[in-house]
C-alpha atoms as a PDB file:
ATOM      1  CA  UNK A   1      11.134 -50.295  -8.235  1.00  0.00           C
ATOM      2  CA  UNK A   2       9.315 -47.129  -7.073  1.00  0.00           C
ATOM      3  CA  UNK A   3      10.875 -43.735  -7.147  1.00  0.00           C
ATOM      4  CA  UNK A   4      10.680 -41.618  -4.054  1.00  0.00           C
ATOM      5  CA  UNK A   5       9.346 -38.114  -4.466  1.00  0.00           C
ATOM      6  CA  UNK A   6      11.704 -35.263  -3.789  1.00  0.00           C
ATOM      7  CA  UNK A   7      10.676 -33.171  -0.813  1.00  0.00           C
ATOM      8  CA  UNK A   8       9.173 -29.862  -1.912  1.00  0.00           C
ATOM      9  CA  UNK A   9      10.554 -26.602  -0.696  1.00  0.00           C
ATOM     10  CA  UNK A  10       7.580 -24.218  -0.299  1.00  0.00           C
ATOM     11  CA  UNK A  11       9.899 -21.225  -0.711  1.00  0.00           C
ATOM     12  CA  UNK A  12      10.481 -22.237  -4.310  1.00  0.00           C
ATOM     13  CA  UNK A  13       6.827 -22.642  -5.220  1.00  0.00           C
ATOM     14  CA  UNK A  14       5.618 -19.890  -7.488  1.00  0.00           C
ATOM     15  CA  UNK A  15       2.558 -18.310  -5.973  1.00  0.00           C
ATOM     16  CA  UNK A  16      -0.230 -17.250  -8.258  1.00  0.00           C
ATOM     17  CA  UNK A  17      -1.614 -14.070  -6.761  1.00  0.00           C
ATOM     18  CA  UNK A  18      -3.761 -11.835  -8.868  1.00  0.00           C
ATOM     19  CA  UNK A  19      -4.345  -8.306  -7.624  1.00  0.00           C
ATOM     20  CA  UNK A  20      -7.898  -7.514  -6.608  1.00  0.00           C
ATOM     21  CA  UNK A  21      -9.836  -5.011  -8.690  1.00  0.00           C
ATOM     22  CA  UNK A  22      -9.720  -1.442  -7.503  1.00  0.00           C
ATOM     23  CA  UNK A  23     -12.474  -0.151  -5.258  1.00  0.00           C
ATOM     24  CA  UNK A  24     -13.618   3.404  -6.054  1.00  0.00           C
ATOM     25  CA  UNK A  25     -14.577   4.244  -2.453  1.00  0.00           C
ATOM     26  CA  UNK A  26     -11.219   3.097  -1.099  1.00  0.00           C
ATOM     27  CA  UNK A  27      -9.357   4.974  -3.837  1.00  0.00           C
ATOM     28  CA  UNK A  28     -11.226   8.157  -2.910  1.00  0.00           C
ATOM     29  CA  UNK A  29     -10.426   7.715   0.805  1.00  0.00           C
ATOM     30  CA  UNK A  30      -6.741   7.133   0.054  1.00  0.00           C
ATOM     31  CA  UNK A  31      -6.640  10.226  -2.154  1.00  0.00           C
ATOM     32  CA  UNK A  32      -8.387  12.465   0.393  1.00  0.00           C
ATOM     33  CA  UNK A  33      -6.141  11.254   3.186  1.00  0.00           C
ATOM     34  CA  UNK A  34      -2.816  11.172   1.358  1.00  0.00           C
ATOM     35  CA  UNK A  35      -2.893  14.057  -1.130  1.00  0.00           C
ATOM     36  CA  UNK A  36      -2.278  16.845   1.416  1.00  0.00           C
ATOM     37  CA  UNK A  37       0.478  14.807   3.110  1.00  0.00           C
ATOM     38  CA  UNK A  38       2.187  14.019  -0.196  1.00  0.00           C
ATOM     39  CA  UNK A  39       2.070  17.548  -1.565  1.00  0.00           C
ATOM     40  CA  UNK A  40       3.314  18.918   1.765  1.00  0.00           C
ATOM     41  CA  UNK A  41       6.537  16.961   1.092  1.00  0.00           C
ATOM     42  CA  UNK A  42       7.156  18.544  -2.326  1.00  0.00           C
ATOM     43  CA  UNK A  43       9.766  20.997  -1.007  1.00  0.00           C
ATOM     44  CA  UNK A  44      11.610  18.186   0.775  1.00  0.00           C
ATOM     45  CA  UNK A  45      11.361  16.142  -2.443  1.00  0.00           C
ATOM     46  CA  UNK A  46      12.989  18.963  -4.430  1.00  0.00           C
ATOM     47  CA  UNK A  47      15.619  19.543  -1.721  1.00  0.00           C
ATOM     48  CA  UNK A  48      16.819  15.973  -2.368  1.00  0.00           C
ATOM     49  CA  UNK A  49      17.473  17.017  -5.999  1.00  0.00           C
ATOM     50  CA  UNK A  50      14.748  14.708  -7.297  1.00  0.00           C
ATOM     51  CA  UNK A  51      13.098  15.920 -10.469  1.00  0.00           C
ATOM     52  CA  UNK A  52       9.420  15.707 -11.226  1.00  0.00           C
ATOM     53  CA  UNK A  53       9.288  12.894 -13.709  1.00  0.00           C
ATOM     54  CA  UNK A  54       6.856  10.082 -14.408  1.00  0.00           C
ATOM     55  CA  UNK A  55       7.879   8.118 -11.299  1.00  0.00           C
ATOM     56  CA  UNK A  56       7.438  11.072  -8.956  1.00  0.00           C
ATOM     57  CA  UNK A  57       6.475  11.126  -5.268  1.00  0.00           C
ATOM     58  CA  UNK A  58       2.678  10.780  -5.688  1.00  0.00           C
ATOM     59  CA  UNK A  59       3.015   7.899  -8.144  1.00  0.00           C
ATOM     60  CA  UNK A  60       5.616   6.059  -6.047  1.00  0.00           C
ATOM     61  CA  UNK A  61       3.531   6.316  -2.881  1.00  0.00           C
ATOM     62  CA  UNK A  62       0.422   5.211  -4.774  1.00  0.00           C
ATOM     63  CA  UNK A  63       2.363   2.309  -6.330  1.00  0.00           C
ATOM     64  CA  UNK A  64       3.761   1.070  -3.003  1.00  0.00           C
ATOM     65  CA  UNK A  65       0.389   1.385  -1.276  1.00  0.00           C
ATOM     66  CA  UNK A  66      -1.339  -0.397  -4.162  1.00  0.00           C
ATOM     67  CA  UNK A  67       1.260  -3.146  -3.987  1.00  0.00           C
ATOM     68  CA  UNK A  68       0.524  -3.623  -0.282  1.00  0.00           C
ATOM     69  CA  UNK A  69      -3.233  -3.033  -0.357  1.00  0.00           C
ATOM     70  CA  UNK A  70      -3.979  -5.165  -3.414  1.00  0.00           C
ATOM     71  CA  UNK A  71      -1.270  -7.725  -2.589  1.00  0.00           C
ATOM     72  CA  UNK A  72       0.529  -7.355  -5.900  1.00  0.00           C
ATOM     73  CA  UNK A  73       3.210 -10.063  -5.736  1.00  0.00           C
ATOM     74  CA  UNK A  74       6.016  -8.583  -7.845  1.00  0.00           C
ATOM     75  CA  UNK A  75       7.433  -5.493  -9.489  1.00  0.00           C
ATOM     76  CA  UNK A  76       6.635  -7.045 -12.861  1.00  0.00           C
ATOM     77  CA  UNK A  77       2.959  -7.387 -11.939  1.00  0.00           C
ATOM     78  CA  UNK A  78       2.999  -3.884 -10.421  1.00  0.00           C
ATOM     79  CA  UNK A  79       4.348  -2.512 -13.698  1.00  0.00           C
ATOM     80  CA  UNK A  80       1.552  -4.201 -15.639  1.00  0.00           C
ATOM     81  CA  UNK A  81      -1.022  -2.846 -13.199  1.00  0.00           C
ATOM     82  CA  UNK A  82       0.366   0.692 -13.407  1.00  0.00           C
ATOM     83  CA  UNK A  83       0.359   0.552 -17.208  1.00  0.00           C
ATOM     84  CA  UNK A  84      -3.157  -0.921 -17.439  1.00  0.00           C
ATOM     85  CA  UNK A  85      -5.120   0.587 -14.566  1.00  0.00           C
ATOM     86  CA  UNK A  86      -2.950   3.013 -12.671  1.00  0.00           C
ATOM     87  CA  UNK A  87      -2.633   2.810  -8.904  1.00  0.00           C
ATOM     88  CA  UNK A  88      -5.227   4.032  -6.448  1.00  0.00           C
ATOM     89  CA  UNK A  89      -5.862   7.658  -7.472  1.00  0.00           C
ATOM     90  CA  UNK A  90      -3.149   7.771 -10.173  1.00  0.00           C
ATOM     91  CA  UNK A  91      -4.030   7.323 -13.831  1.00  0.00           C
ATOM     92  CA  UNK A  92      -2.354   4.670 -15.966  1.00  0.00           C
ATOM     93  CA  UNK A  93       1.207   5.633 -16.901  1.00  0.00           C
ATOM     94  CA  UNK A  94       3.544   4.018 -19.389  1.00  0.00           C
ATOM     95  CA  UNK A  95       6.350   2.650 -17.219  1.00  0.00           C
ATOM     96  CA  UNK A  96       8.975   0.023 -17.895  1.00  0.00           C
ATOM     97  CA  UNK A  97       9.758  -2.695 -15.377  1.00  0.00           C
ATOM     98  CA  UNK A  98      13.505  -1.892 -15.208  1.00  0.00           C
ATOM     99  CA  UNK A  99      12.731   1.793 -14.598  1.00  0.00           C
ATOM    100  CA  UNK A 100      10.323   0.962 -11.783  1.00  0.00           C
ATOM    101  CA  UNK A 101      12.756  -1.520 -10.232  1.00  0.00           C
ATOM    102  CA  UNK A 102      15.574   1.016 -10.305  1.00  0.00           C
ATOM    103  CA  UNK A 103      13.328   3.739  -8.898  1.00  0.00           C
ATOM    104  CA  UNK A 104      12.169   1.523  -6.047  1.00  0.00           C
ATOM    105  CA  UNK A 105      15.790   0.761  -5.158  1.00  0.00           C
ATOM    106  CA  UNK A 106      16.887   4.403  -5.218  1.00  0.00           C
ATOM    107  CA  UNK A 107      13.793   6.173  -3.907  1.00  0.00           C
ATOM    108  CA  UNK A 108      14.592   7.753  -0.511  1.00  0.00           C
ATOM    109  CA  UNK A 109      12.811   6.059   2.385  1.00  0.00           C
ATOM    110  CA  UNK A 110      12.766   9.410   4.205  1.00  0.00           C
ATOM    111  CA  UNK A 111      10.030  10.572   1.838  1.00  0.00           C
ATOM    112  CA  UNK A 112       7.779   7.677   2.814  1.00  0.00           C
ATOM    113  CA  UNK A 113       8.628   8.289   6.461  1.00  0.00           C
ATOM    114  CA  UNK A 114       7.793  12.007   6.228  1.00  0.00           C
ATOM    115  CA  UNK A 115       4.429  11.245   4.619  1.00  0.00           C
ATOM    116  CA  UNK A 116       3.645   8.686   7.322  1.00  0.00           C
ATOM    117  CA  UNK A 117       4.579  11.088  10.133  1.00  0.00           C
ATOM    118  CA  UNK A 118       2.381  13.803   8.659  1.00  0.00           C
ATOM    119  CA  UNK A 119      -0.522  11.309   8.457  1.00  0.00           C
ATOM    120  CA  UNK A 120      -0.284   9.955  12.003  1.00  0.00           C
ATOM    121  CA  UNK A 121      -2.028  12.886  13.777  1.00  0.00           C
ATOM    122  CA  UNK A 122      -4.922  12.753  11.320  1.00  0.00           C
ATOM    123  CA  UNK A 123      -5.201   8.976  11.707  1.00  0.00           C
ATOM    124  CA  UNK A 124      -5.207   9.266  15.516  1.00  0.00           C
ATOM    125  CA  UNK A 125      -7.933  11.900  15.290  1.00  0.00           C
ATOM    126  CA  UNK A 126     -10.078   9.698  13.044  1.00  0.00           C
ATOM    127  CA  UNK A 127      -9.520   6.704  15.314  1.00  0.00           C
ATOM    128  CA  UNK A 128     -10.778   8.603  18.387  1.00  0.00           C
ATOM    129  CA  UNK A 129     -13.920   9.744  16.571  1.00  0.00           C
ATOM    130  CA  UNK A 130     -14.739   6.379  14.984  1.00  0.00           C
ATOM    131  CA  UNK A 131     -17.734   4.576  16.431  1.00  0.00           C
ATOM    132  CA  UNK A 132     -18.250   0.910  15.641  1.00  0.00           C
ATOM    133  CA  UNK A 133     -20.900  -1.363  17.088  1.00  0.00           C
ATOM    134  CA  UNK A 134     -19.541  -4.196  19.190  1.00  0.00           C
ATOM    135  CA  UNK A 135     -19.745  -7.616  17.559  1.00  0.00           C
ATOM    136  CA  UNK A 136     -22.377  -9.900  19.087  1.00  0.00           C
ATOM    137  CA  UNK A 137     -19.718 -12.239  20.490  1.00  0.00           C
ATOM    138  CA  UNK A 138     -17.970  -9.381  22.319  1.00  0.00           C
ATOM    139  CA  UNK A 139     -21.190  -7.950  23.778  1.00  0.00           C
ATOM    140  CA  UNK A 140     -22.175 -11.469  24.906  1.00  0.00           C
ATOM    141  CA  UNK A 141     -18.756 -11.945  26.555  1.00  0.00           C
ATOM    142  CA  UNK A 142     -19.061  -8.562  28.305  1.00  0.00           C
ATOM    143  CA  UNK A 143     -22.378  -9.619  29.799  1.00  0.00           C
ATOM    144  CA  UNK A 144     -20.645 -12.605  31.445  1.00  0.00           C
ATOM    145  CA  UNK A 145     -17.259 -11.077  32.298  1.00  0.00           C
ATOM    146  CA  UNK A 146     -16.283  -7.787  33.872  1.00  0.00           C
ATOM    147  CA  UNK A 147     -13.445  -7.063  31.467  1.00  0.00           C
ATOM    148  CA  UNK A 148     -12.137  -8.613  28.258  1.00  0.00           C
ATOM    149  CA  UNK A 149      -9.040  -7.920  26.192  1.00  0.00           C
ATOM    150  CA  UNK A 150      -9.832  -6.383  22.804  1.00  0.00           C
END
């Protein structure tokens, strides 16, 4: 008698993602772009009665961006990364996983929003100035068609 296999639920499969190594050029670009925007929010940060501690505004923004940019799959892995390598422009810091989890749950989203809104004009400016060569496939399509959607 053969046993039938149970159907697998892909939501319950543990993914094995390892964060990519840090890239110095990208770290430098993040730092140059974000540092003025982050430090401009320091008065708002203090007005929310948040103290400057290890998990302060610059480290939290760097940690969240590193988690997104490097595709770090969990807070546990983020904690290890912060302890070992640091995040983007931040140096390694001794942080516990429960402290980081609690901080992520209680950190005001308005701070992230304020930083984003202060970055948007600079990003728009850079986007207008940026010049990229057209890929060969697009230039070939333009030679055959009057207009294409990009």
